[in-house]
């Protein structure tokens, strides 16, 4: 059985028997909205892989206090998967971030693709990035994970090409590819725990030939996920789930 996860700063050198407070908006949400009560067990994680489990010993409208029962050992995260998500209109980008976080993506790199209708710049871009980060944070708790993926600054093609060159392996989801991702033996175990793997998801209108050529020249491998065409909002989640499998 897994217990509800909340995100907060942990005590230095946390140990069984110590107390850990959950305050601020997160604490109020746990106490007032989730109605976590004294005697229940919860997990408090720092969003970077550390977590403690304990029983609630105090509860108020301002938050909760737990007595730490166990300092949890972080599970092996497997390869570091960076999802490059092309900007999409409406709530499709938010759904993409949510799904990829739930299945264990390590970082999300917003991509201003040539056919992206949405444009991130200035204050608007800062707000959009903050919204993606908030979505990732909530999805981390919902999926009971301890790592909150970082939403990195938006890049254009040149920045993406540089990132592909730096990665240990990169996959470009493309409907005209002839190689199936499942056929490449690209599971978490086969890729290796220290590898950085980039998976690129284009916009609804697809990537341009210029983008495809530049990314392939940098080392990206065009791959298929399915015998159908997936939306930009769902393709990333499917790809990350495949790459995270044992």
C-alpha atoms as a PDB file:
ATOM      1  CA  UNK A   1       0.000   0.000   0.000  1.00  0.00           C
ATOM      2  CA  UNK A   2       1.272   3.458  -0.836  1.00  0.00           C
ATOM      3  CA  UNK A   3       0.419   6.533   1.187  1.00  0.00           C
ATOM      4  CA  UNK A   4      -0.483  10.093   0.109  1.00  0.00           C
ATOM      5  CA  UNK A   5       2.557  12.150  -0.882  1.00  0.00           C
ATOM      6  CA  UNK A   6       3.073  15.812  -0.034  1.00  0.00           C
ATOM      7  CA  UNK A   7       6.014  18.037  -0.935  1.00  0.00           C
ATOM      8  CA  UNK A   8       7.980  20.032   1.617  1.00  0.00           C
ATOM      9  CA  UNK A   9      11.464  20.720   2.933  1.00  0.00           C
ATOM     10  CA  UNK A  10      12.722  17.849   5.074  1.00  0.00           C
ATOM     11  CA  UNK A  11      14.676  18.114   8.347  1.00  0.00           C
ATOM     12  CA  UNK A  12      18.446  17.957   8.011  1.00  0.00           C
ATOM     13  CA  UNK A  13      19.554  14.359   8.628  1.00  0.00           C
ATOM     14  CA  UNK A  14      15.985  13.169   9.095  1.00  0.00           C
ATOM     15  CA  UNK A  15      15.702  10.084  11.290  1.00  0.00           C
ATOM     16  CA  UNK A  16      12.957   7.940  12.843  1.00  0.00           C
ATOM     17  CA  UNK A  17      11.435   9.610  15.890  1.00  0.00           C
ATOM     18  CA  UNK A  18      12.002  13.144  14.626  1.00  0.00           C
ATOM     19  CA  UNK A  19       9.099  15.442  13.867  1.00  0.00           C
ATOM     20  CA  UNK A  20       8.495  16.954  10.455  1.00  0.00           C
ATOM     21  CA  UNK A  21       6.086  19.803   9.795  1.00  0.00           C
ATOM     22  CA  UNK A  22       3.962  20.284   6.706  1.00  0.00           C
ATOM     23  CA  UNK A  23       2.923  23.941   6.635  1.00  0.00           C
ATOM     24  CA  UNK A  24       2.087  26.705   4.171  1.00  0.00           C
ATOM     25  CA  UNK A  25      -0.237  26.074   1.217  1.00  0.00           C
ATOM     26  CA  UNK A  26       0.796  22.411   1.066  1.00  0.00           C
ATOM     27  CA  UNK A  27       0.020  21.888   4.747  1.00  0.00           C
ATOM     28  CA  UNK A  28      -3.320  23.671   4.547  1.00  0.00           C
ATOM     29  CA  UNK A  29      -4.241  21.617   1.502  1.00  0.00           C
ATOM     30  CA  UNK A  30      -3.437  18.396   3.353  1.00  0.00           C
ATOM     31  CA  UNK A  31      -5.364  19.374   6.469  1.00  0.00           C
ATOM     32  CA  UNK A  32      -8.331  21.270   5.053  1.00  0.00           C
ATOM     33  CA  UNK A  33      -8.870  19.959   1.507  1.00  0.00           C
ATOM     34  CA  UNK A  34      -7.566  16.394   1.821  1.00  0.00           C
ATOM     35  CA  UNK A  35      -8.719  16.225   5.457  1.00  0.00           C
ATOM     36  CA  UNK A  36      -5.757  14.204   6.623  1.00  0.00           C
ATOM     37  CA  UNK A  37      -6.297  13.462  10.316  1.00  0.00           C
ATOM     38  CA  UNK A  38      -4.224  12.520  13.349  1.00  0.00           C
ATOM     39  CA  UNK A  39      -3.278   8.855  13.174  1.00  0.00           C
ATOM     40  CA  UNK A  40      -3.061   8.658   9.382  1.00  0.00           C
ATOM     41  CA  UNK A  41       0.201   7.841   7.634  1.00  0.00           C
ATOM     42  CA  UNK A  42       1.596  10.080   4.896  1.00  0.00           C
ATOM     43  CA  UNK A  43       4.816  10.551   2.951  1.00  0.00           C
ATOM     44  CA  UNK A  44       6.615  13.893   2.797  1.00  0.00           C
ATOM     45  CA  UNK A  45       9.093  14.248  -0.073  1.00  0.00           C
ATOM     46  CA  UNK A  46      11.446  17.064  -0.976  1.00  0.00           C
ATOM     47  CA  UNK A  47      10.863  16.748  -4.725  1.00  0.00           C
ATOM     48  CA  UNK A  48      14.471  15.721  -5.339  1.00  0.00           C
ATOM     49  CA  UNK A  49      14.304  12.050  -4.366  1.00  0.00           C
ATOM     50  CA  UNK A  50      14.378  12.170  -0.552  1.00  0.00           C
ATOM     51  CA  UNK A  51      11.285  11.201   1.434  1.00  0.00           C
ATOM     52  CA  UNK A  52      10.101  10.232   4.899  1.00  0.00           C
ATOM     53  CA  UNK A  53       7.055   8.308   6.033  1.00  0.00           C
ATOM     54  CA  UNK A  54       5.308   8.953   9.302  1.00  0.00           C
ATOM     55  CA  UNK A  55       2.138   9.174  11.315  1.00  0.00           C
ATOM     56  CA  UNK A  56       0.291  12.459  11.764  1.00  0.00           C
ATOM     57  CA  UNK A  57       0.501  13.517  15.424  1.00  0.00           C
ATOM     58  CA  UNK A  58      -0.858  17.066  15.129  1.00  0.00           C
ATOM     59  CA  UNK A  59      -3.363  18.641  12.777  1.00  0.00           C
ATOM     60  CA  UNK A  60      -4.719  22.170  12.425  1.00  0.00           C
ATOM     61  CA  UNK A  61      -5.979  24.442   9.677  1.00  0.00           C
ATOM     62  CA  UNK A  62      -2.391  25.627   9.247  1.00  0.00           C
ATOM     63  CA  UNK A  63      -0.989  22.181   8.498  1.00  0.00           C
ATOM     64  CA  UNK A  64       0.210  18.874   9.898  1.00  0.00           C
ATOM     65  CA  UNK A  65       3.037  17.468  11.982  1.00  0.00           C
ATOM     66  CA  UNK A  66       4.216  13.889  11.583  1.00  0.00           C
ATOM     67  CA  UNK A  67       6.474  11.697  13.659  1.00  0.00           C
ATOM     68  CA  UNK A  68       8.922  10.122  11.245  1.00  0.00           C
ATOM     69  CA  UNK A  69       8.694   6.342  11.251  1.00  0.00           C
ATOM     70  CA  UNK A  70      10.920   5.603   8.286  1.00  0.00           C
ATOM     71  CA  UNK A  71      13.388   7.406   6.057  1.00  0.00           C
ATOM     72  CA  UNK A  72      12.552   5.987   2.657  1.00  0.00           C
ATOM     73  CA  UNK A  73      15.228   4.701   0.338  1.00  0.00           C
ATOM     74  CA  UNK A  74      14.964   6.276  -3.122  1.00  0.00           C
ATOM     75  CA  UNK A  75      14.186   3.821  -5.866  1.00  0.00           C
ATOM     76  CA  UNK A  76      16.591   3.709  -8.778  1.00  0.00           C
ATOM     77  CA  UNK A  77      15.344   6.342 -11.229  1.00  0.00           C
ATOM     78  CA  UNK A  78      16.761   4.481 -14.235  1.00  0.00           C
ATOM     79  CA  UNK A  79      17.915   6.503 -17.251  1.00  0.00           C
ATOM     80  CA  UNK A  80      17.388  10.254 -17.050  1.00  0.00           C
ATOM     81  CA  UNK A  81      14.659  10.836 -19.605  1.00  0.00           C
ATOM     82  CA  UNK A  82      14.297  14.373 -20.926  1.00  0.00           C
ATOM     83  CA  UNK A  83      11.082  14.955 -22.842  1.00  0.00           C
ATOM     84  CA  UNK A  84      11.244  17.696 -25.453  1.00  0.00           C
ATOM     85  CA  UNK A  85       7.654  18.869 -25.743  1.00  0.00           C
ATOM     86  CA  UNK A  86       6.686  21.149 -28.616  1.00  0.00           C
ATOM     87  CA  UNK A  87       4.408  23.975 -27.533  1.00  0.00           C
ATOM     88  CA  UNK A  88       0.748  23.295 -28.236  1.00  0.00           C
ATOM     89  CA  UNK A  89      -2.379  25.392 -27.899  1.00  0.00           C
ATOM     90  CA  UNK A  90      -5.035  25.086 -25.216  1.00  0.00           C
ATOM     91  CA  UNK A  91      -4.713  22.516 -22.487  1.00  0.00           C
ATOM     92  CA  UNK A  92      -2.874  19.964 -24.631  1.00  0.00           C
ATOM     93  CA  UNK A  93       0.526  21.024 -23.331  1.00  0.00           C
ATOM     94  CA  UNK A  94      -0.696  20.790 -19.737  1.00  0.00           C
ATOM     95  CA  UNK A  95      -2.006  17.277 -20.363  1.00  0.00           C
ATOM     96  CA  UNK A  96       1.311  16.278 -21.916  1.00  0.00           C
ATOM     97  CA  UNK A  97       3.232  17.540 -18.874  1.00  0.00           C
ATOM     98  CA  UNK A  98       0.847  15.763 -16.522  1.00  0.00           C
ATOM     99  CA  UNK A  99       1.059  12.405 -18.291  1.00  0.00           C
ATOM    100  CA  UNK A 100       4.836  12.463 -18.692  1.00  0.00           C
ATOM    101  CA  UNK A 101       5.307  13.337 -15.027  1.00  0.00           C
ATOM    102  CA  UNK A 102       3.007  10.539 -13.922  1.00  0.00           C
ATOM    103  CA  UNK A 103       5.092   7.950 -15.787  1.00  0.00           C
ATOM    104  CA  UNK A 104       8.433   9.221 -14.505  1.00  0.00           C
ATOM    105  CA  UNK A 105      10.036  11.785 -16.815  1.00  0.00           C
ATOM    106  CA  UNK A 106      13.107  13.465 -15.280  1.00  0.00           C
ATOM    107  CA  UNK A 107      12.930  16.828 -17.050  1.00  0.00           C
ATOM    108  CA  UNK A 108      10.773  18.603 -19.610  1.00  0.00           C
ATOM    109  CA  UNK A 109      12.242  20.880 -22.256  1.00  0.00           C
ATOM    110  CA  UNK A 110       9.675  23.170 -23.944  1.00  0.00           C
ATOM    111  CA  UNK A 111      10.357  23.498 -27.660  1.00  0.00           C
ATOM    112  CA  UNK A 112       9.302  26.434 -29.813  1.00  0.00           C
ATOM    113  CA  UNK A 113       8.875  24.357 -32.967  1.00  0.00           C
ATOM    114  CA  UNK A 114       8.393  26.090 -36.303  1.00  0.00           C
ATOM    115  CA  UNK A 115       4.781  24.903 -36.536  1.00  0.00           C
ATOM    116  CA  UNK A 116       3.901  25.634 -32.911  1.00  0.00           C
ATOM    117  CA  UNK A 117       0.986  28.050 -32.894  1.00  0.00           C
ATOM    118  CA  UNK A 118       1.723  29.164 -29.341  1.00  0.00           C
ATOM    119  CA  UNK A 119       4.676  31.493 -28.771  1.00  0.00           C
ATOM    120  CA  UNK A 120       6.512  31.842 -25.465  1.00  0.00           C
ATOM    121  CA  UNK A 121       8.273  35.152 -24.974  1.00  0.00           C
ATOM    122  CA  UNK A 122       8.764  37.666 -22.189  1.00  0.00           C
ATOM    123  CA  UNK A 123       6.315  37.661 -19.305  1.00  0.00           C
ATOM    124  CA  UNK A 124       3.907  35.379 -21.138  1.00  0.00           C
ATOM    125  CA  UNK A 125       6.616  32.771 -21.520  1.00  0.00           C
ATOM    126  CA  UNK A 126       7.564  33.005 -17.851  1.00  0.00           C
ATOM    127  CA  UNK A 127       3.940  32.480 -16.797  1.00  0.00           C
ATOM    128  CA  UNK A 128       3.502  29.540 -19.161  1.00  0.00           C
ATOM    129  CA  UNK A 129       6.649  27.857 -17.889  1.00  0.00           C
ATOM    130  CA  UNK A 130       5.536  28.394 -14.281  1.00  0.00           C
ATOM    131  CA  UNK A 131       2.194  26.794 -15.134  1.00  0.00           C
ATOM    132  CA  UNK A 132       3.926  23.736 -16.601  1.00  0.00           C
ATOM    133  CA  UNK A 133       6.079  23.496 -13.450  1.00  0.00           C
ATOM    134  CA  UNK A 134       3.010  23.697 -11.205  1.00  0.00           C
ATOM    135  CA  UNK A 135       1.332  20.988 -13.290  1.00  0.00           C
ATOM    136  CA  UNK A 136       4.405  18.771 -12.908  1.00  0.00           C
ATOM    137  CA  UNK A 137       4.429  19.324  -9.152  1.00  0.00           C
ATOM    138  CA  UNK A 138       0.787  18.309  -8.757  1.00  0.00           C
ATOM    139  CA  UNK A 139       1.213  15.299 -11.045  1.00  0.00           C
ATOM    140  CA  UNK A 140       4.199  14.182  -8.958  1.00  0.00           C
ATOM    141  CA  UNK A 141       2.028  14.058  -5.848  1.00  0.00           C
ATOM    142  CA  UNK A 142      -0.888  12.411  -7.634  1.00  0.00           C
ATOM    143  CA  UNK A 143       1.347   9.637  -8.951  1.00  0.00           C
ATOM    144  CA  UNK A 144       3.058   9.319  -5.540  1.00  0.00           C
ATOM    145  CA  UNK A 145       6.511   9.988  -6.873  1.00  0.00           C
ATOM    146  CA  UNK A 146       9.304  11.793  -5.014  1.00  0.00           C
ATOM    147  CA  UNK A 147      10.964  13.592  -7.929  1.00  0.00           C
ATOM    148  CA  UNK A 148       9.448  16.731  -9.447  1.00  0.00           C
ATOM    149  CA  UNK A 149      10.713  17.064 -13.037  1.00  0.00           C
ATOM    150  CA  UNK A 150      12.258  20.411 -13.844  1.00  0.00           C
ATOM    151  CA  UNK A 151      10.650  22.409 -16.634  1.00  0.00           C
ATOM    152  CA  UNK A 152      13.642  23.951 -18.373  1.00  0.00           C
ATOM    153  CA  UNK A 153      13.716  27.238 -20.327  1.00  0.00           C
ATOM    154  CA  UNK A 154      12.157  27.090 -23.785  1.00  0.00           C
ATOM    155  CA  UNK A 155      14.462  26.383 -26.731  1.00  0.00           C
ATOM    156  CA  UNK A 156      14.282  26.787 -30.486  1.00  0.00           C
ATOM    157  CA  UNK A 157      15.821  24.438 -33.038  1.00  0.00           C
ATOM    158  CA  UNK A 158      19.451  25.464 -32.466  1.00  0.00           C
ATOM    159  CA  UNK A 159      19.183  24.877 -28.727  1.00  0.00           C
ATOM    160  CA  UNK A 160      17.493  21.542 -29.259  1.00  0.00           C
ATOM    161  CA  UNK A 161      20.173  20.369 -31.691  1.00  0.00           C
ATOM    162  CA  UNK A 162      22.806  21.153 -29.046  1.00  0.00           C
ATOM    163  CA  UNK A 163      20.899  19.149 -26.436  1.00  0.00           C
ATOM    164  CA  UNK A 164      20.565  16.159 -28.761  1.00  0.00           C
ATOM    165  CA  UNK A 165      24.321  16.159 -29.351  1.00  0.00           C
ATOM    166  CA  UNK A 166      24.960  16.119 -25.597  1.00  0.00           C
ATOM    167  CA  UNK A 167      22.590  13.234 -24.847  1.00  0.00           C
ATOM    168  CA  UNK A 168      23.614   9.590 -24.694  1.00  0.00           C
ATOM    169  CA  UNK A 169      20.720   8.711 -26.967  1.00  0.00           C
ATOM    170  CA  UNK A 170      17.879  10.638 -28.609  1.00  0.00           C
ATOM    171  CA  UNK A 171      14.624   9.553 -30.202  1.00  0.00           C
ATOM    172  CA  UNK A 172      12.492  11.640 -32.554  1.00  0.00           C
ATOM    173  CA  UNK A 173       8.847  10.590 -32.705  1.00  0.00           C
ATOM    174  CA  UNK A 174       7.894  10.788 -36.373  1.00  0.00           C
ATOM    175  CA  UNK A 175       4.982   9.288 -38.276  1.00  0.00           C
ATOM    176  CA  UNK A 176       7.144   8.518 -41.334  1.00  0.00           C
ATOM    177  CA  UNK A 177       9.805   6.652 -39.382  1.00  0.00           C
ATOM    178  CA  UNK A 178      10.351   3.005 -40.277  1.00  0.00           C
ATOM    179  CA  UNK A 179      11.781   1.824 -36.959  1.00  0.00           C
ATOM    180  CA  UNK A 180       9.533   0.972 -34.027  1.00  0.00           C
ATOM    181  CA  UNK A 181      10.756   2.207 -30.661  1.00  0.00           C
ATOM    182  CA  UNK A 182       9.849  -1.121 -28.966  1.00  0.00           C
ATOM    183  CA  UNK A 183      12.107  -2.959 -31.435  1.00  0.00           C
ATOM    184  CA  UNK A 184      15.233  -1.045 -30.406  1.00  0.00           C
ATOM    185  CA  UNK A 185      15.684  -2.676 -27.005  1.00  0.00           C
ATOM    186  CA  UNK A 186      15.460   0.767 -25.431  1.00  0.00           C
ATOM    187  CA  UNK A 187      14.164  -0.216 -22.002  1.00  0.00           C
ATOM    188  CA  UNK A 188      15.337   1.431 -18.808  1.00  0.00           C
ATOM    189  CA  UNK A 189      17.655  -1.448 -17.932  1.00  0.00           C
ATOM    190  CA  UNK A 190      19.176  -1.630 -21.408  1.00  0.00           C
ATOM    191  CA  UNK A 191      19.757   2.120 -21.620  1.00  0.00           C
ATOM    192  CA  UNK A 192      21.562   2.204 -18.265  1.00  0.00           C
ATOM    193  CA  UNK A 193      20.906   4.117 -15.068  1.00  0.00           C
ATOM    194  CA  UNK A 194      23.367   6.928 -15.811  1.00  0.00           C
ATOM    195  CA  UNK A 195      22.269   7.595 -19.386  1.00  0.00           C
ATOM    196  CA  UNK A 196      20.512  10.781 -20.458  1.00  0.00           C
ATOM    197  CA  UNK A 197      17.897   9.944 -23.056  1.00  0.00           C
ATOM    198  CA  UNK A 198      16.086  12.651 -25.022  1.00  0.00           C
ATOM    199  CA  UNK A 199      12.697  11.972 -26.589  1.00  0.00           C
ATOM    200  CA  UNK A 200      11.322  14.622 -28.950  1.00  0.00           C
ATOM    201  CA  UNK A 201       7.583  15.223 -29.404  1.00  0.00           C
ATOM    202  CA  UNK A 202       6.563  17.548 -32.217  1.00  0.00           C
ATOM    203  CA  UNK A 203       3.571  19.909 -32.441  1.00  0.00           C
ATOM    204  CA  UNK A 204       0.118  19.015 -33.753  1.00  0.00           C
ATOM    205  CA  UNK A 205       1.102  20.046 -37.278  1.00  0.00           C
ATOM    206  CA  UNK A 206       4.221  17.891 -37.232  1.00  0.00           C
ATOM    207  CA  UNK A 207       7.827  18.959 -37.586  1.00  0.00           C
ATOM    208  CA  UNK A 208       9.237  20.547 -40.706  1.00  0.00           C
ATOM    209  CA  UNK A 209      11.726  18.851 -42.998  1.00  0.00           C
ATOM    210  CA  UNK A 210      14.349  21.368 -41.879  1.00  0.00           C
ATOM    211  CA  UNK A 211      13.803  20.377 -38.246  1.00  0.00           C
ATOM    212  CA  UNK A 212      13.822  16.665 -39.017  1.00  0.00           C
ATOM    213  CA  UNK A 213      17.044  16.890 -41.016  1.00  0.00           C
ATOM    214  CA  UNK A 214      18.825  18.972 -38.369  1.00  0.00           C
ATOM    215  CA  UNK A 215      17.808  16.683 -35.516  1.00  0.00           C
ATOM    216  CA  UNK A 216      18.722  13.498 -37.373  1.00  0.00           C
ATOM    217  CA  UNK A 217      22.097  14.995 -38.324  1.00  0.00           C
ATOM    218  CA  UNK A 218      22.674  15.727 -34.620  1.00  0.00           C
ATOM    219  CA  UNK A 219      22.045  12.083 -33.742  1.00  0.00           C
ATOM    220  CA  UNK A 220      18.300  11.759 -33.125  1.00  0.00           C
ATOM    221  CA  UNK A 221      16.797   8.422 -34.214  1.00  0.00           C
ATOM    222  CA  UNK A 222      13.358   8.710 -35.907  1.00  0.00           C
ATOM    223  CA  UNK A 223      10.989   6.160 -34.356  1.00  0.00           C
ATOM    224  CA  UNK A 224       7.369   5.047 -34.400  1.00  0.00           C
ATOM    225  CA  UNK A 225       5.368   4.405 -31.241  1.00  0.00           C
ATOM    226  CA  UNK A 226       2.171   3.026 -32.678  1.00  0.00           C
ATOM    227  CA  UNK A 227       0.406   2.132 -35.911  1.00  0.00           C
ATOM    228  CA  UNK A 228      -1.746   5.230 -35.428  1.00  0.00           C
ATOM    229  CA  UNK A 229      -0.892   8.923 -35.098  1.00  0.00           C
ATOM    230  CA  UNK A 230      -0.950  10.081 -31.476  1.00  0.00           C
ATOM    231  CA  UNK A 231      -1.693  13.607 -30.362  1.00  0.00           C
ATOM    232  CA  UNK A 232       1.155  15.726 -29.035  1.00  0.00           C
ATOM    233  CA  UNK A 233      -0.600  15.624 -25.661  1.00  0.00           C
ATOM    234  CA  UNK A 234      -0.373  11.831 -25.357  1.00  0.00           C
ATOM    235  CA  UNK A 235       2.639  10.753 -27.425  1.00  0.00           C
ATOM    236  CA  UNK A 236       5.193  11.826 -24.831  1.00  0.00           C
ATOM    237  CA  UNK A 237       3.542   9.882 -22.033  1.00  0.00           C
ATOM    238  CA  UNK A 238       3.509   6.713 -24.126  1.00  0.00           C
ATOM    239  CA  UNK A 239       7.171   7.137 -25.101  1.00  0.00           C
ATOM    240  CA  UNK A 240       8.389   7.871 -21.580  1.00  0.00           C
ATOM    241  CA  UNK A 241       6.445   4.922 -20.171  1.00  0.00           C
ATOM    242  CA  UNK A 242       8.134   2.651 -22.713  1.00  0.00           C
ATOM    243  CA  UNK A 243      11.607   3.980 -21.960  1.00  0.00           C
ATOM    244  CA  UNK A 244      11.032   3.654 -18.212  1.00  0.00           C
ATOM    245  CA  UNK A 245      10.020   0.022 -18.301  1.00  0.00           C
ATOM    246  CA  UNK A 246      12.436  -2.468 -16.666  1.00  0.00           C
END
